[in-house]
């Protein structure tokens, strides 16, 4: 089976993380970044209480999608989400699981947008970047405090793809590496080569049609 019970998976992940010391291993995985567009402007129009409620509801539903598809919530970065697939427990279909998460995130967001509109709340859009590649994963930090995370150029590329979604006017941007691993599973459309900040070479990118 490609997917397992989410609660059982999370227990396995925590067990694996807790038994790791400082240091890391190199492995192939897929990372997903999502971020709210124009969050500062949204925040300025709401009371602190309403803002916290809106953000908590949003993050809860997005995180549920990560867990439903065997992902590890790496961290929240403000209103952004970083999720990892294929670590600390290897999964042969980590690229597919990340793409499925992205599609489900967008479907959940559309339902939330309709609900926010009914309650007179501002709508918001998100961008999602996904990349597959080698990364260092492990417990990183100090002896006093460490956290499990993934680091490396492949992680940076996923983050930059997310940032590029606004300019390319798409919800999801997928790297060529993820596309190659999952092209038979999703209705991809080429977005073209894009220059990414901090990268000397351009990257071929793809998006997933909304009908997926």
Protein backbone atom coordinates (compact mmCIF):
# COMPACT_ATOMS: atom_id res chain seq x y z
CA UNK A 1 0.00 0.00 0.00
CA UNK A 2 1.22 3.52 -0.80
CA UNK A 3 -0.40 5.13 2.22
CA UNK A 4 -0.88 4.01 5.81
CA UNK A 5 -2.90 5.11 8.79
CA UNK A 6 -1.86 8.70 9.54
CA UNK A 7 -1.90 8.38 13.31
CA UNK A 8 0.27 5.26 13.14
CA UNK A 9 2.64 6.98 10.73
CA UNK A 10 3.08 9.95 13.04
CA UNK A 11 3.92 7.61 15.92
CA UNK A 12 6.54 5.92 13.74
CA UNK A 13 7.98 9.28 12.72
CA UNK A 14 8.23 10.50 16.31
CA UNK A 15 9.83 7.23 17.37
CA UNK A 16 12.43 7.52 14.63
CA UNK A 17 13.17 11.18 15.35
CA UNK A 18 13.46 10.63 19.10
CA UNK A 19 16.02 7.89 18.56
CA UNK A 20 18.28 10.02 16.38
CA UNK A 21 21.22 11.91 17.80
CA UNK A 22 22.81 15.04 16.41
CA UNK A 23 23.85 14.66 12.80
CA UNK A 24 22.14 13.62 9.61
CA UNK A 25 21.89 11.32 6.63
CA UNK A 26 21.72 12.09 2.92
CA UNK A 27 18.67 10.75 1.14
CA UNK A 28 16.27 11.52 -1.68
CA UNK A 29 13.03 13.10 -0.55
CA UNK A 30 10.40 15.59 -1.63
CA UNK A 31 9.76 18.86 0.14
CA UNK A 32 6.67 21.08 -0.07
CA UNK A 33 6.52 24.76 0.84
CA UNK A 34 3.25 26.70 1.01
CA UNK A 35 2.75 30.33 1.92
CA UNK A 36 -0.11 32.80 2.13
CA UNK A 37 0.09 35.62 -0.41
CA UNK A 38 -0.29 39.13 0.95
CA UNK A 39 -0.64 38.00 4.54
CA UNK A 40 0.50 41.36 5.94
CA UNK A 41 -2.36 43.16 4.20
CA UNK A 42 -4.86 40.59 5.45
CA UNK A 43 -3.53 40.93 8.99
CA UNK A 44 -3.93 44.71 8.97
CA UNK A 45 -7.66 44.41 8.29
CA UNK A 46 -8.49 42.05 11.16
CA UNK A 47 -8.50 42.21 14.92
CA UNK A 48 -5.77 40.15 16.62
CA UNK A 49 -8.38 37.65 17.82
CA UNK A 50 -9.94 37.24 14.38
CA UNK A 51 -6.52 36.96 12.75
CA UNK A 52 -5.38 34.21 15.11
CA UNK A 53 -8.60 32.28 14.60
CA UNK A 54 -8.38 32.58 10.82
CA UNK A 55 -4.75 31.50 10.76
CA UNK A 56 -5.31 28.60 13.15
CA UNK A 57 -8.23 27.29 11.10
CA UNK A 58 -6.19 27.57 7.92
CA UNK A 59 -3.09 25.87 9.35
CA UNK A 60 -5.17 23.09 10.88
CA UNK A 61 -6.76 22.15 7.57
CA UNK A 62 -3.49 22.44 5.63
CA UNK A 63 -1.62 20.33 8.20
CA UNK A 64 -4.34 17.70 8.07
CA UNK A 65 -3.63 17.30 4.34
CA UNK A 66 0.08 16.81 5.06
CA UNK A 67 -0.66 14.07 7.57
CA UNK A 68 -3.27 12.40 5.37
CA UNK A 69 -0.59 11.81 2.76
CA UNK A 70 2.14 10.53 5.06
CA UNK A 71 4.06 13.79 5.23
CA UNK A 72 6.13 15.12 8.09
CA UNK A 73 5.33 18.68 9.18
CA UNK A 74 8.86 20.05 9.38
CA UNK A 75 7.94 23.50 10.67
CA UNK A 76 5.70 26.55 10.49
CA UNK A 77 7.52 29.69 9.38
CA UNK A 78 5.03 32.37 10.31
CA UNK A 79 2.10 31.59 8.02
CA UNK A 80 4.23 29.33 5.81
CA UNK A 81 4.35 25.52 5.98
CA UNK A 82 7.30 23.26 5.25
CA UNK A 83 6.52 19.56 4.87
CA UNK A 84 8.83 16.65 4.06
CA UNK A 85 7.97 13.36 2.36
CA UNK A 86 10.25 10.33 2.51
CA UNK A 87 11.95 11.13 5.82
CA UNK A 88 12.62 10.10 8.50
CA UNK A 89 10.74 7.01 7.23
CA UNK A 90 11.60 6.27 3.57
CA UNK A 91 8.67 6.09 1.16
CA UNK A 92 9.09 5.11 -2.51
CA UNK A 93 6.24 7.40 -3.59
CA UNK A 94 7.30 10.54 -1.73
CA UNK A 95 7.00 12.77 -4.82
CA UNK A 96 3.48 11.57 -5.57
CA UNK A 97 2.40 12.08 -1.95
CA UNK A 98 3.66 15.66 -1.95
CA UNK A 99 1.81 16.48 -5.19
CA UNK A 100 -1.38 14.88 -3.88
CA UNK A 101 -1.06 17.01 -0.75
CA UNK A 102 -0.75 20.16 -2.84
CA UNK A 103 -3.87 19.34 -4.87
CA UNK A 104 -5.86 18.61 -1.71
CA UNK A 105 -4.58 21.80 -0.07
CA UNK A 106 -5.92 23.86 -2.96
CA UNK A 107 -9.29 22.09 -2.86
CA UNK A 108 -9.53 22.71 0.90
CA UNK A 109 -8.57 26.35 0.40
CA UNK A 110 -11.38 26.89 -2.12
CA UNK A 111 -13.88 25.54 0.43
CA UNK A 112 -12.45 27.84 3.10
CA UNK A 113 -12.58 30.82 0.75
CA UNK A 114 -16.30 30.27 0.21
CA UNK A 115 -16.86 30.03 3.96
CA UNK A 116 -14.81 33.16 4.68
CA UNK A 117 -16.81 35.08 2.08
CA UNK A 118 -20.10 34.03 3.70
CA UNK A 119 -18.83 35.37 7.03
CA UNK A 120 -17.50 38.63 5.62
CA UNK A 121 -13.86 37.66 6.11
CA UNK A 122 -11.12 38.50 3.61
CA UNK A 123 -10.14 35.80 1.18
CA UNK A 124 -6.56 34.73 0.72
CA UNK A 125 -4.56 32.80 -1.81
CA UNK A 126 -1.55 30.58 -1.36
CA UNK A 127 1.40 29.44 -3.43
CA UNK A 128 2.92 25.96 -3.23
CA UNK A 129 6.39 24.89 -4.37
CA UNK A 130 7.51 21.27 -4.59
CA UNK A 131 10.92 19.78 -5.34
CA UNK A 132 12.44 16.31 -5.24
CA UNK A 133 16.12 15.72 -4.64
CA UNK A 134 18.89 14.83 -2.24
CA UNK A 135 18.94 16.50 1.16
CA UNK A 136 20.53 16.08 4.56
CA UNK A 137 17.97 15.01 7.14
CA UNK A 138 18.45 14.58 10.85
CA UNK A 139 18.37 16.22 14.25
CA UNK A 140 20.15 19.53 13.84
CA UNK A 141 20.93 22.07 16.54
CA UNK A 142 22.78 21.99 19.81
CA UNK A 143 23.01 19.51 22.66
CA UNK A 144 20.59 21.74 24.57
CA UNK A 145 18.01 21.94 21.80
CA UNK A 146 17.72 20.20 18.48
CA UNK A 147 15.01 19.60 15.92
CA UNK A 148 14.52 17.22 13.05
CA UNK A 149 14.71 19.00 9.71
CA UNK A 150 15.94 18.74 6.15
CA UNK A 151 18.57 21.04 4.68
CA UNK A 152 20.27 21.41 1.34
CA UNK A 153 19.98 22.95 -2.10
CA UNK A 154 16.92 20.85 -2.97
CA UNK A 155 15.09 22.40 -0.01
CA UNK A 156 16.06 25.90 -1.10
CA UNK A 157 14.75 25.21 -4.61
CA UNK A 158 11.33 24.19 -3.27
CA UNK A 159 11.14 27.44 -1.30
CA UNK A 160 12.11 29.51 -4.34
CA UNK A 161 9.53 27.72 -6.47
CA UNK A 162 6.85 28.70 -3.96
CA UNK A 163 8.00 32.32 -4.15
CA UNK A 164 7.81 32.22 -7.95
CA UNK A 165 4.15 31.11 -8.07
CA UNK A 166 2.92 34.70 -7.83
CA UNK A 167 4.95 35.94 -10.81
CA UNK A 168 3.90 32.94 -12.89
CA UNK A 169 0.25 33.27 -11.76
CA UNK A 170 -0.12 29.64 -10.78
CA UNK A 171 -1.05 28.02 -7.48
CA UNK A 172 1.47 25.17 -7.64
CA UNK A 173 4.97 25.07 -9.11
CA UNK A 174 6.71 21.72 -9.40
CA UNK A 175 10.34 21.18 -10.36
CA UNK A 176 11.40 19.02 -13.29
CA UNK A 177 12.70 16.44 -10.81
CA UNK A 178 9.28 16.04 -9.20
CA UNK A 179 7.59 16.08 -12.59
CA UNK A 180 9.74 13.21 -13.88
CA UNK A 181 8.92 11.16 -10.79
CA UNK A 182 5.15 11.71 -11.02
CA UNK A 183 4.25 12.67 -14.61
CA UNK A 184 2.06 9.61 -15.11
CA UNK A 185 0.01 10.45 -12.00
CA UNK A 186 -1.08 14.07 -12.52
CA UNK A 187 -2.25 16.37 -15.34
CA UNK A 188 0.85 18.56 -15.55
CA UNK A 189 1.27 21.62 -17.71
CA UNK A 190 4.68 23.17 -18.47
CA UNK A 191 5.23 26.64 -17.08
CA UNK A 192 8.62 27.07 -18.70
CA UNK A 193 12.08 27.81 -17.46
CA UNK A 194 12.37 30.36 -14.72
CA UNK A 195 15.33 32.10 -13.16
CA UNK A 196 15.45 31.61 -9.43
CA UNK A 197 17.09 33.96 -6.99
CA UNK A 198 20.49 32.66 -5.93
CA UNK A 199 20.63 30.08 -8.74
CA UNK A 200 23.04 30.35 -11.68
CA UNK A 201 20.95 28.07 -13.91
CA UNK A 202 17.28 28.34 -14.82
CA UNK A 203 14.85 25.63 -13.77
CA UNK A 204 12.16 23.87 -15.82
CA UNK A 205 8.87 24.01 -13.98
CA UNK A 206 5.39 22.60 -14.23
CA UNK A 207 2.02 23.18 -12.64
CA UNK A 208 -0.84 20.78 -11.90
CA UNK A 209 -4.16 21.61 -13.54
CA UNK A 210 -6.97 22.54 -11.17
CA UNK A 211 -9.04 19.60 -12.35
CA UNK A 212 -6.60 17.13 -10.72
